[in-house]
PDB file of N, CA and C in Angstrom:
ATOM      1  N   MET A   1      31.049  11.527 -23.683  1.00  0.00           N
ATOM      2  CA  MET A   1      30.362  11.281 -22.429  1.00  0.00           C
ATOM      3  C   MET A   1      29.804  12.605 -21.906  1.00  0.00           C
ATOM      4  N   GLY A   2      28.513  12.597 -21.526  1.00  0.00           N
ATOM      5  CA  GLY A   2      27.890  13.826 -21.063  1.00  0.00           C
ATOM      6  C   GLY A   2      28.307  14.181 -19.652  1.00  0.00           C
ATOM      7  N   VAL A   3      28.838  15.369 -19.488  1.00  0.00           N
ATOM      8  CA  VAL A   3      29.256  15.856 -18.180  1.00  0.00           C
ATOM      9  C   VAL A   3      28.585  17.208 -17.962  1.00  0.00           C
ATOM     10  N   PRO A   4      27.955  17.442 -16.778  1.00  0.00           N
ATOM     11  CA  PRO A   4      27.322  18.724 -16.536  1.00  0.00           C
ATOM     12  C   PRO A   4      28.338  19.864 -16.557  1.00  0.00           C
ATOM     13  N   LYS A   5      27.967  20.954 -17.197  1.00  0.00           N
ATOM     14  CA  LYS A   5      28.871  22.097 -17.280  1.00  0.00           C
ATOM     15  C   LYS A   5      28.826  22.919 -15.994  1.00  0.00           C
ATOM     16  N   ARG A   6      27.636  22.995 -15.355  1.00  0.00           N
ATOM     17  CA  ARG A   6      27.495  23.764 -14.129  1.00  0.00           C
ATOM     18  C   ARG A   6      26.782  22.915 -13.073  1.00  0.00           C
ATOM     19  N   ARG A   7      26.943  23.320 -11.843  1.00  0.00           N
ATOM     20  CA  ARG A   7      26.295  22.626 -10.734  1.00  0.00           C
ATOM     21  C   ARG A   7      24.784  22.844 -10.814  1.00  0.00           C
ATOM     22  N   VAL A   8      24.012  21.820 -10.529  1.00  0.00           N
ATOM     23  CA  VAL A   8      22.556  21.929 -10.534  1.00  0.00           C
ATOM     24  C   VAL A   8      22.136  22.638  -9.251  1.00  0.00           C
ATOM     25  N   SER A   9      21.308  23.684  -9.380  1.00  0.00           N
ATOM     26  CA  SER A   9      20.865  24.450  -8.216  1.00  0.00           C
ATOM     27  C   SER A   9      19.915  23.610  -7.362  1.00  0.00           C
ATOM     28  N   HIS A  10      19.744  24.066  -6.118  1.00  0.00           N
ATOM     29  CA  HIS A  10      18.847  23.354  -5.202  1.00  0.00           C
ATOM     30  C   HIS A  10      17.407  23.369  -5.720  1.00  0.00           C
ATOM     31  N   ALA A  11      17.018  24.467  -6.358  1.00  0.00           N
ATOM     32  CA  ALA A  11      15.654  24.567  -6.873  1.00  0.00           C
ATOM     33  C   ALA A  11      15.422  23.560  -8.002  1.00  0.00           C
ATOM     34  N   ARG A  12      16.362  23.460  -8.918  1.00  0.00           N
ATOM     35  CA  ARG A  12      16.213  22.489 -10.014  1.00  0.00           C
ATOM     36  C   ARG A  12      16.274  21.062  -9.492  1.00  0.00           C
ATOM     37  N   GLN A  13      17.110  20.849  -8.513  1.00  0.00           N
ATOM     38  CA  GLN A  13      17.213  19.518  -7.909  1.00  0.00           C
ATOM     39  C   GLN A  13      15.879  19.154  -7.245  1.00  0.00           C
ATOM     40  N   GLY A  14      15.256  20.126  -6.557  1.00  0.00           N
ATOM     41  CA  GLY A  14      13.965  19.890  -5.929  1.00  0.00           C
ATOM     42  C   GLY A  14      12.868  19.659  -6.946  1.00  0.00           C
ATOM     43  N   ASP A  15      12.916  20.389  -8.069  1.00  0.00           N
ATOM     44  CA  ASP A  15      11.927  20.189  -9.129  1.00  0.00           C
ATOM     45  C   ASP A  15      12.019  18.778  -9.688  1.00  0.00           C
ATOM     46  N   ARG A  16      13.217  18.293  -9.839  1.00  0.00           N
ATOM     47  CA  ARG A  16      13.408  16.951 -10.383  1.00  0.00           C
ATOM     48  C   ARG A  16      12.892  15.896  -9.411  1.00  0.00           C
ATOM     49  N   ARG A  17      13.076  16.148  -8.122  1.00  0.00           N
ATOM     50  CA  ARG A  17      12.684  15.169  -7.111  1.00  0.00           C
ATOM     51  C   ARG A  17      11.255  15.372  -6.607  1.00  0.00           C
ATOM     52  N   SER A  18      10.492  16.246  -7.234  1.00  0.00           N
ATOM     53  CA  SER A  18       9.153  16.555  -6.734  1.00  0.00           C
ATOM     54  C   SER A  18       8.210  15.366  -6.822  1.00  0.00           C
ATOM     55  N   HIS A  19       8.498  14.396  -7.664  1.00  0.00           N
ATOM     56  CA  HIS A  19       7.630  13.233  -7.821  1.00  0.00           C
ATOM     57  C   HIS A  19       8.060  12.070  -6.939  1.00  0.00           C
ATOM     58  N   HIS A  20       9.053  12.260  -6.106  1.00  0.00           N
ATOM     59  CA  HIS A  20       9.580  11.171  -5.284  1.00  0.00           C
ATOM     60  C   HIS A  20       8.899  11.058  -3.922  1.00  0.00           C
ATOM     61  N   ALA A  21       7.950  11.920  -3.637  1.00  0.00           N
ATOM     62  CA  ALA A  21       7.303  11.923  -2.328  1.00  0.00           C
ATOM     63  C   ALA A  21       6.470  10.655  -2.141  1.00  0.00           C
ATOM     64  N   LEU A  22       6.491  10.124  -0.933  1.00  0.00           N
ATOM     65  CA  LEU A  22       5.700   8.947  -0.606  1.00  0.00           C
ATOM     66  C   LEU A  22       4.284   9.374  -0.250  1.00  0.00           C
ATOM     67  N   THR A  23       3.317   8.562  -0.627  1.00  0.00           N
ATOM     68  CA  THR A  23       1.926   8.828  -0.287  1.00  0.00           C
ATOM     69  C   THR A  23       1.369   7.622   0.472  1.00  0.00           C
ATOM     70  N   LEU A  24       0.406   7.885   1.336  1.00  0.00           N
ATOM     71  CA  LEU A  24      -0.237   6.805   2.067  1.00  0.00           C
ATOM     72  C   LEU A  24      -1.139   6.018   1.119  1.00  0.00           C
ATOM     73  N   PRO A  25      -1.236   4.702   1.305  1.00  0.00           N
ATOM     74  CA  PRO A  25      -2.116   3.928   0.429  1.00  0.00           C
ATOM     75  C   PRO A  25      -3.579   4.264   0.699  1.00  0.00           C
ATOM     76  N   ARG A  26      -4.371   4.264  -0.367  1.00  0.00           N
ATOM     77  CA  ARG A  26      -5.804   4.486  -0.212  1.00  0.00           C
ATOM     78  C   ARG A  26      -6.416   3.260   0.457  1.00  0.00           C
ATOM     79  N   LEU A  27      -7.388   3.485   1.310  1.00  0.00           N
ATOM     80  CA  LEU A  27      -8.057   2.383   1.988  1.00  0.00           C
ATOM     81  C   LEU A  27      -9.556   2.500   1.768  1.00  0.00           C
ATOM     82  N   GLU A  28     -10.211   1.345   1.688  1.00  0.00           N
ATOM     83  CA  GLU A  28     -11.663   1.308   1.581  1.00  0.00           C
ATOM     84  C   GLU A  28     -12.181   0.255   2.548  1.00  0.00           C
ATOM     85  N   GLU A  29     -13.462   0.252   2.741  1.00  0.00           N
ATOM     86  CA  GLU A  29     -14.070  -0.666   3.694  1.00  0.00           C
ATOM     87  C   GLU A  29     -14.353  -2.007   3.039  1.00  0.00           C
ATOM     88  N   CYS A  30     -14.011  -3.089   3.717  1.00  0.00           N
ATOM     89  CA  CYS A  30     -14.321  -4.440   3.231  1.00  0.00           C
ATOM     90  C   CYS A  30     -15.827  -4.645   3.349  1.00  0.00           C
ATOM     91  N   PRO A  31     -16.503  -5.064   2.267  1.00  0.00           N
ATOM     92  CA  PRO A  31     -17.957  -5.254   2.353  1.00  0.00           C
ATOM     93  C   PRO A  31     -18.357  -6.438   3.231  1.00  0.00           C
ATOM     94  N   HIS A  32     -17.413  -7.343   3.504  1.00  0.00           N
ATOM     95  CA  HIS A  32     -17.735  -8.534   4.290  1.00  0.00           C
ATOM     96  C   HIS A  32     -17.571  -8.292   5.789  1.00  0.00           C
ATOM     97  N   CYS A  33     -16.395  -7.798   6.207  1.00  0.00           N
ATOM     98  CA  CYS A  33     -16.134  -7.630   7.643  1.00  0.00           C
ATOM     99  C   CYS A  33     -15.994  -6.167   8.058  1.00  0.00           C
ATOM    100  N   HIS A  34     -16.072  -5.244   7.115  1.00  0.00           N
ATOM    101  CA  HIS A  34     -16.022  -3.802   7.348  1.00  0.00           C
ATOM    102  C   HIS A  34     -14.685  -3.317   7.901  1.00  0.00           C
ATOM    103  N   ALA A  35     -13.622  -4.096   7.715  1.00  0.00           N
ATOM    104  CA  ALA A  35     -12.278  -3.631   8.079  1.00  0.00           C
ATOM    105  C   ALA A  35     -11.728  -2.786   6.939  1.00  0.00           C
ATOM    106  N   ARG A  36     -10.693  -2.002   7.201  1.00  0.00           N
ATOM    107  CA  ARG A  36     -10.080  -1.175   6.169  1.00  0.00           C
ATOM    108  C   ARG A  36      -9.117  -2.042   5.361  1.00  0.00           C
ATOM    109  N   LYS A  37      -9.179  -1.943   4.025  1.00  0.00           N
ATOM    110  CA  LYS A  37      -8.311  -2.718   3.148  1.00  0.00           C
ATOM    111  C   LYS A  37      -7.978  -1.903   1.914  1.00  0.00           C
ATOM    112  N   GLN A  38      -6.925  -2.320   1.190  1.00  0.00           N
ATOM    113  CA  GLN A  38      -6.573  -1.655  -0.057  1.00  0.00           C
ATOM    114  C   GLN A  38      -7.536  -2.087  -1.148  1.00  0.00           C
ATOM    115  N   PRO A  39      -7.876  -1.168  -2.076  1.00  0.00           N
ATOM    116  CA  PRO A  39      -8.758  -1.561  -3.178  1.00  0.00           C
ATOM    117  C   PRO A  39      -8.095  -2.603  -4.070  1.00  0.00           C
ATOM    118  N   HIS A  40      -8.874  -3.515  -4.592  1.00  0.00           N
ATOM    119  CA  HIS A  40      -8.426  -4.575  -5.496  1.00  0.00           C
ATOM    120  C   HIS A  40      -7.444  -5.541  -4.834  1.00  0.00           C
ATOM    121  N   HIS A  41      -7.548  -5.686  -3.508  1.00  0.00           N
ATOM    122  CA  HIS A  41      -6.750  -6.645  -2.759  1.00  0.00           C
ATOM    123  C   HIS A  41      -7.700  -7.451  -1.881  1.00  0.00           C
ATOM    124  N   ALA A  42      -7.318  -8.687  -1.567  1.00  0.00           N
ATOM    125  CA  ALA A  42      -8.096  -9.484  -0.627  1.00  0.00           C
ATOM    126  C   ALA A  42      -7.973  -8.866   0.757  1.00  0.00           C
ATOM    127  N   CYS A  43      -9.011  -8.960   1.532  1.00  0.00           N
ATOM    128  CA  CYS A  43      -9.020  -8.378   2.873  1.00  0.00           C
ATOM    129  C   CYS A  43      -8.047  -9.144   3.767  1.00  0.00           C
ATOM    130  N   PRO A  44      -7.133  -8.449   4.452  1.00  0.00           N
ATOM    131  CA  PRO A  44      -6.196  -9.152   5.326  1.00  0.00           C
ATOM    132  C   PRO A  44      -6.842  -9.676   6.605  1.00  0.00           C
ATOM    133  N   GLU A  45      -8.043  -9.194   6.935  1.00  0.00           N
ATOM    134  CA  GLU A  45      -8.722  -9.627   8.160  1.00  0.00           C
ATOM    135  C   GLU A  45      -9.551 -10.890   7.946  1.00  0.00           C
ATOM    136  N   CYS A  46     -10.321 -10.927   6.847  1.00  0.00           N
ATOM    137  CA  CYS A  46     -11.223 -12.061   6.636  1.00  0.00           C
ATOM    138  C   CYS A  46     -10.847 -12.901   5.415  1.00  0.00           C
ATOM    139  N   GLY A  47     -10.041 -12.375   4.497  1.00  0.00           N
ATOM    140  CA  GLY A  47      -9.612 -13.129   3.330  1.00  0.00           C
ATOM    141  C   GLY A  47     -10.581 -13.101   2.168  1.00  0.00           C
ATOM    142  N   TYR A  48     -11.628 -12.284   2.248  1.00  0.00           N
ATOM    143  CA  TYR A  48     -12.619 -12.225   1.177  1.00  0.00           C
ATOM    144  C   TYR A  48     -12.206 -11.227   0.105  1.00  0.00           C
ATOM    145  N   TYR A  49     -12.546 -11.553  -1.134  1.00  0.00           N
ATOM    146  CA  TYR A  49     -12.363 -10.632  -2.259  1.00  0.00           C
ATOM    147  C   TYR A  49     -13.454 -10.911  -3.269  1.00  0.00           C
ATOM    148  N   ASN A  50     -14.134  -9.877  -3.709  1.00  0.00           N
ATOM    149  CA  ASN A  50     -15.179  -9.972  -4.729  1.00  0.00           C
ATOM    150  C   ASN A  50     -16.300 -10.926  -4.296  1.00  0.00           C
ATOM    151  N   GLY A  51     -16.640 -10.886  -3.014  1.00  0.00           N
ATOM    152  CA  GLY A  51     -17.774 -11.657  -2.516  1.00  0.00           C
ATOM    153  C   GLY A  51     -17.509 -13.118  -2.253  1.00  0.00           C
ATOM    154  N   ARG A  52     -16.264 -13.560  -2.293  1.00  0.00           N
ATOM    155  CA  ARG A  52     -15.960 -14.975  -2.019  1.00  0.00           C
ATOM    156  C   ARG A  52     -14.672 -15.082  -1.229  1.00  0.00           C
ATOM    157  N   GLN A  53     -14.462 -16.221  -0.585  1.00  0.00           N
ATOM    158  CA  GLN A  53     -13.248 -16.480   0.187  1.00  0.00           C
ATOM    159  C   GLN A  53     -12.089 -16.669  -0.792  1.00  0.00           C
ATOM    160  N   ALA A  54     -11.179 -15.702  -0.856  1.00  0.00           N
ATOM    161  CA  ALA A  54     -10.082 -15.742  -1.824  1.00  0.00           C
ATOM    162  C   ALA A  54      -8.847 -16.396  -1.240  1.00  0.00           C
ATOM    163  N   ILE A  55      -8.547 -16.124   0.027  1.00  0.00           N
ATOM    164  CA  ILE A  55      -7.371 -16.716   0.673  1.00  0.00           C
ATOM    165  C   ILE A  55      -7.787 -17.288   2.019  1.00  0.00           C
ATOM    166  N   GLU A  56      -7.156 -18.376   2.400  1.00  0.00           N
ATOM    167  CA  GLU A  56      -7.403 -18.993   3.692  1.00  0.00           C
ATOM    168  C   GLU A  56      -6.389 -18.418   4.677  1.00  0.00           C
ATOM    169  N   LEU A  57      -6.889 -17.789   5.726  1.00  0.00           N
ATOM    170  CA  LEU A  57      -6.010 -17.163   6.715  1.00  0.00           C
ATOM    171  C   LEU A  57      -5.551 -18.182   7.727  1.00  0.00           C
ATOM    172  N   LYS A  58      -4.297 -18.031   8.171  1.00  0.00           N
ATOM    173  CA  LYS A  58      -3.767 -18.915   9.184  1.00  0.00           C
ATOM    174  C   LYS A  58      -4.288 -18.506  10.555  1.00  0.00           C
ATOM    175  N   LYS A  59      -4.492 -19.476  11.413  1.00  0.00           N
ATOM    176  CA  LYS A  59      -4.921 -19.183  12.779  1.00  0.00           C
ATOM    177  C   LYS A  59      -3.704 -18.758  13.578  1.00  0.00           C
ATOM    178  N   THR A  60      -3.865 -17.704  14.392  1.00  0.00           N
ATOM    179  CA  THR A  60      -2.777 -17.274  15.261  1.00  0.00           C
ATOM    180  C   THR A  60      -2.858 -18.001  16.584  1.00  0.00           C
ATOM    181  N   THR A  61      -1.811 -17.906  17.391  1.00  0.00           N
ATOM    182  CA  THR A  61      -1.792 -18.606  18.676  1.00  0.00           C
ATOM    183  C   THR A  61      -2.831 -18.034  19.631  1.00  0.00           C
ATOM    184  N   GLU A  62      -3.145 -16.740  19.507  1.00  0.00           N
ATOM    185  CA  GLU A  62      -4.143 -16.132  20.375  1.00  0.00           C
ATOM    186  C   GLU A  62      -5.537 -16.669  20.060  1.00  0.00           C
ATOM    187  N   GLU A  63      -5.847 -16.873  18.778  1.00  0.00           N
ATOM    188  CA  GLU A  63      -7.169 -17.375  18.388  1.00  0.00           C
ATOM    189  C   GLU A  63      -7.344 -18.838  18.808  1.00  0.00           C
ATOM    190  N   SER A  64      -6.287 -19.639  18.660  1.00  0.00           N
ATOM    191  CA  SER A  64      -6.408 -21.057  18.982  1.00  0.00           C
ATOM    192  C   SER A  64      -6.460 -21.261  20.488  1.00  0.00           C
ATOM    193  N   ALA A  65      -5.850 -20.376  21.288  1.00  0.00           N
ATOM    194  CA  ALA A  65      -5.872 -20.512  22.741  1.00  0.00           C
ATOM    195  C   ALA A  65      -7.198 -20.050  23.317  1.00  0.00           C
ATOM    196  N   GLY A  66      -7.870 -19.103  22.660  1.00  0.00           N
ATOM    197  CA  GLY A  66      -9.098 -18.517  23.210  1.00  0.00           C
ATOM    198  C   GLY A  66     -10.304 -19.096  22.667  1.00  0.00           C
TER     199      GLY A  66
END
């Protein structure tokens, strides 16, 4: 069974974890409604993807009341 012979230094530990940083998702403009959306995903505002209605969005209580 492999057991470390010496304690791993903070620098080596940081080097190993250097790829664990979180990054913000890239956003692009929806060509239909011009809202910000992730690339290769249906727009969460209008439901369009690739020039057609991909998903049907549910109406919220604010939209149905107004």
